[in-house]
Protein backbone atom coordinates (compact mmCIF):
# COMPACT_ATOMS: atom_id res chain seq x y z
CA MET A 1 -9.47 24.64 4.02
CA VAL A 2 -9.00 24.33 0.27
CA PHE A 3 -7.17 21.29 -1.05
CA SER A 4 -5.36 21.33 -4.35
CA VAL A 5 -5.38 18.20 -6.48
CA PRO A 6 -1.67 17.28 -5.98
CA ARG A 7 -2.00 17.69 -2.22
CA VAL A 8 -5.00 15.35 -2.12
CA ILE A 9 -3.13 12.76 -4.21
CA VAL A 10 -0.06 12.94 -1.96
CA SER A 11 -2.27 12.68 1.13
CA ALA A 12 -3.99 9.59 -0.26
CA ILE A 13 -0.66 7.95 -1.10
CA VAL A 14 0.76 8.68 2.37
CA LEU A 15 -2.42 7.33 3.97
CA VAL A 16 -2.28 4.08 2.01
CA VAL A 17 1.47 3.57 2.57
CA GLY A 18 1.18 4.30 6.29
CA ALA A 19 -1.71 1.88 6.65
CA MET A 20 0.23 -0.78 4.73
CA PHE A 21 3.20 -0.38 7.09
CA VAL A 22 0.96 -0.73 10.15
CA ILE A 23 -0.83 -3.80 8.74
CA ASN A 24 2.44 -5.47 7.72
CA GLY A 25 3.90 -4.73 11.16
CA ILE A 26 0.93 -6.37 12.87
CA ARG A 27 1.19 -9.39 10.57
CA THR A 28 4.93 -9.68 11.27
CA LEU A 29 4.35 -9.52 15.02
CA ARG A 30 1.65 -12.20 14.85
CA ARG A 31 3.59 -14.48 12.52
CA SER A 32 6.96 -14.40 14.26
CA LYS A 33 7.76 -16.10 17.51
CA GLU A 34 11.11 -14.41 18.19
CA GLY A 35 12.92 -13.64 14.95
CA GLY A 36 10.89 -10.94 13.25
CA LYS A 37 9.68 -9.01 16.27
CA PRO A 38 11.99 -5.96 15.87
CA PHE A 39 11.01 -5.67 12.19
CA GLY A 40 7.32 -5.70 13.06
CA ILE A 41 7.83 -2.99 15.67
CA ILE A 42 9.88 -0.90 13.21
CA GLU A 43 7.21 -1.30 10.49
CA MET A 44 4.45 -0.28 12.86
CA THR A 45 6.48 2.71 14.06
CA VAL A 46 7.10 3.90 10.49
CA GLY A 47 3.41 3.52 9.68
CA VAL A 48 2.29 5.43 12.77
CA VAL A 49 4.81 8.21 12.05
CA LEU A 50 3.53 8.51 8.46
CA LEU A 51 -0.09 8.61 9.59
CA GLY A 52 0.77 11.12 12.32
CA ALA A 53 2.60 13.33 9.83
CA LEU A 54 -0.42 13.19 7.53
CA LEU A 55 -2.73 14.15 10.40
CA PHE A 56 -0.40 16.99 11.41
CA ALA A 57 -0.22 18.25 7.81
CA THR A 58 -3.99 18.23 7.37
CA VAL A 59 -4.57 20.12 10.62
CA LEU A 60 -2.18 22.91 9.63
């Protein structure tokens, strides 16, 4: 599989953003007792979807 430079840059950006969402979601879940729990779950879901889309795009 041959990667072009813009595709590698976009992949790196998506990887970093997805990881940031997952890490922030975990922090929100740990920090909040009741209030921020839905936001942590939403952040983790967005991060996992981004990382899954990146994995799917690299396999194809």
